Amino acid sequence: MGTIEKLGEKLAIDTIKVQDAIGEDRFYMEVAQVLGAASQSLEEAFLTEIRVRLAERKARDFIAEKLARVQSELEEKVQK
């Protein structure tokens, strides 16, 4: 992993932490604008990391919700 990718990864991790803490789900776009003014390469690496991490989060939430639904349905069947 090169310098740009490492920096993009670190910035993405920190940005998501701040984004979660302040409750602004588009905060990363503000960070991307700041990056884009200075380095388009770093902006691209950052946005790739953000998108991948947010997509992974959505997928994990979907999996957890599906599992909870199935478990609930199974419990209902057992109780009947």
C-alpha atoms as a PDB file:
ATOM      1  CA  MET A   1       0.000   0.000   0.000  1.00  0.00           C
ATOM      2  CA  GLY A   2       1.410   3.367  -1.023  1.00  0.00           C
ATOM      3  CA  THR A   3       1.526   6.604   0.889  1.00  0.00           C
ATOM      4  CA  ILE A   4      -1.651   7.982  -0.692  1.00  0.00           C
ATOM      5  CA  GLU A   5      -3.621   4.840   0.110  1.00  0.00           C
ATOM      6  CA  LYS A   6      -2.340   4.781   3.700  1.00  0.00           C
ATOM      7  CA  LEU A   7      -3.228   8.412   4.226  1.00  0.00           C
ATOM      8  CA  GLY A   8      -6.638   7.938   2.595  1.00  0.00           C
ATOM      9  CA  GLU A   9      -7.312   4.990   4.885  1.00  0.00           C
ATOM     10  CA  LYS A  10      -6.303   6.871   8.041  1.00  0.00           C
ATOM     11  CA  LEU A  11      -8.336   9.915   7.062  1.00  0.00           C
ATOM     12  CA  ALA A  12     -11.365   7.754   6.307  1.00  0.00           C
ATOM     13  CA  ILE A  13     -11.181   6.012   9.683  1.00  0.00           C
ATOM     14  CA  ASP A  14     -10.871   9.323  11.534  1.00  0.00           C
ATOM     15  CA  THR A  15     -13.578  10.983   9.457  1.00  0.00           C
ATOM     16  CA  ILE A  16     -16.072   8.187  10.081  1.00  0.00           C
ATOM     17  CA  LYS A  17     -15.394   8.401  13.822  1.00  0.00           C
ATOM     18  CA  VAL A  18     -16.060  12.150  13.805  1.00  0.00           C
ATOM     19  CA  GLN A  19     -19.047  11.715  11.499  1.00  0.00           C
ATOM     20  CA  ASP A  20     -20.598   9.213  13.901  1.00  0.00           C
ATOM     21  CA  ALA A  21     -19.849  11.424  16.906  1.00  0.00           C
ATOM     22  CA  ILE A  22     -21.419  14.552  15.417  1.00  0.00           C
ATOM     23  CA  GLY A  23     -24.291  12.791  13.667  1.00  0.00           C
ATOM     24  CA  GLU A  24     -23.656  14.253  10.227  1.00  0.00           C
ATOM     25  CA  ASP A  25     -23.777  11.435   7.695  1.00  0.00           C
ATOM     26  CA  ARG A  26     -22.344  13.582   4.874  1.00  0.00           C
ATOM     27  CA  PHE A  27     -19.437  15.096   6.817  1.00  0.00           C
ATOM     28  CA  TYR A  28     -17.035  13.074   4.693  1.00  0.00           C
ATOM     29  CA  MET A  29     -18.045  15.186   1.671  1.00  0.00           C
ATOM     30  CA  GLU A  30     -16.796  18.314   3.414  1.00  0.00           C
ATOM     31  CA  VAL A  31     -13.496  16.593   4.120  1.00  0.00           C
ATOM     32  CA  ALA A  32     -13.328  15.483   0.478  1.00  0.00           C
ATOM     33  CA  GLN A  33     -13.760  19.081  -0.684  1.00  0.00           C
ATOM     34  CA  VAL A  34     -10.848  20.199   1.462  1.00  0.00           C
ATOM     35  CA  LEU A  35      -8.735  17.339   0.118  1.00  0.00           C
ATOM     36  CA  GLY A  36      -9.738  17.971  -3.481  1.00  0.00           C
ATOM     37  CA  ALA A  37      -8.499  21.538  -3.301  1.00  0.00           C
ATOM     38  CA  ALA A  38      -5.072  20.285  -2.263  1.00  0.00           C
ATOM     39  CA  SER A  39      -4.701  16.827  -3.812  1.00  0.00           C
ATOM     40  CA  GLN A  40      -7.096  15.082  -6.156  1.00  0.00           C
ATOM     41  CA  SER A  41      -5.156  11.838  -5.760  1.00  0.00           C
ATOM     42  CA  LEU A  42      -5.601  11.853  -1.990  1.00  0.00           C
ATOM     43  CA  GLU A  43      -9.245  12.855  -2.385  1.00  0.00           C
ATOM     44  CA  GLU A  44      -9.862   9.829  -4.623  1.00  0.00           C
ATOM     45  CA  ALA A  45      -8.109   7.448  -2.226  1.00  0.00           C
ATOM     46  CA  PHE A  46     -10.054   8.918   0.702  1.00  0.00           C
ATOM     47  CA  LEU A  47     -13.421   8.634  -1.058  1.00  0.00           C
ATOM     48  CA  THR A  48     -12.697   5.054  -2.072  1.00  0.00           C
ATOM     49  CA  GLU A  49     -11.934   4.160   1.554  1.00  0.00           C
ATOM     50  CA  ILE A  50     -15.044   5.980   2.788  1.00  0.00           C
ATOM     51  CA  ARG A  51     -17.322   4.279   0.270  1.00  0.00           C
ATOM     52  CA  VAL A  52     -15.939   0.835   0.989  1.00  0.00           C
ATOM     53  CA  ARG A  53     -16.238   1.275   4.753  1.00  0.00           C
ATOM     54  CA  LEU A  54     -19.757   2.707   4.603  1.00  0.00           C
ATOM     55  CA  ALA A  55     -20.858  -0.042   2.210  1.00  0.00           C
ATOM     56  CA  GLU A  56     -19.400  -2.676   4.537  1.00  0.00           C
ATOM     57  CA  ARG A  57     -21.261  -1.099   7.451  1.00  0.00           C
ATOM     58  CA  LYS A  58     -24.554  -1.206   5.532  1.00  0.00           C
ATOM     59  CA  ALA A  59     -24.000  -4.836   4.581  1.00  0.00           C
ATOM     60  CA  ARG A  60     -23.245  -5.809   8.190  1.00  0.00           C
ATOM     61  CA  ASP A  61     -26.364  -3.973   9.394  1.00  0.00           C
ATOM     62  CA  PHE A  62     -28.434  -5.816   6.779  1.00  0.00           C
ATOM     63  CA  ILE A  63     -26.993  -9.171   7.838  1.00  0.00           C
ATOM     64  CA  ALA A  64     -27.621  -8.455  11.533  1.00  0.00           C
ATOM     65  CA  GLU A  65     -31.213  -7.356  10.857  1.00  0.00           C
ATOM     66  CA  LYS A  66     -31.892 -10.421   8.721  1.00  0.00           C
ATOM     67  CA  LEU A  67     -30.487 -12.737  11.386  1.00  0.00           C
ATOM     68  CA  ALA A  68     -32.550 -11.052  14.102  1.00  0.00           C
ATOM     69  CA  ARG A  69     -35.699 -11.405  11.978  1.00  0.00           C
ATOM     70  CA  VAL A  70     -35.087 -15.080  11.280  1.00  0.00           C
ATOM     71  CA  GLN A  71     -34.315 -15.797  14.938  1.00  0.00           C
ATOM     72  CA  SER A  72     -37.490 -14.002  15.986  1.00  0.00           C
ATOM     73  CA  GLU A  73     -39.548 -16.010  13.515  1.00  0.00           C
ATOM     74  CA  LEU A  74     -38.022 -19.255  14.761  1.00  0.00           C
ATOM     75  CA  GLU A  75     -38.759 -18.317  18.381  1.00  0.00           C
ATOM     76  CA  GLU A  76     -42.370 -17.575  17.464  1.00  0.00           C
ATOM     77  CA  LYS A  77     -42.713 -20.996  15.820  1.00  0.00           C
ATOM     78  CA  VAL A  78     -41.245 -22.754  18.861  1.00  0.00           C
ATOM     79  CA  GLN A  79     -43.642 -20.940  21.216  1.00  0.00           C
ATOM     80  CA  LYS A  80     -46.701 -22.025  19.189  1.00  0.00           C
END
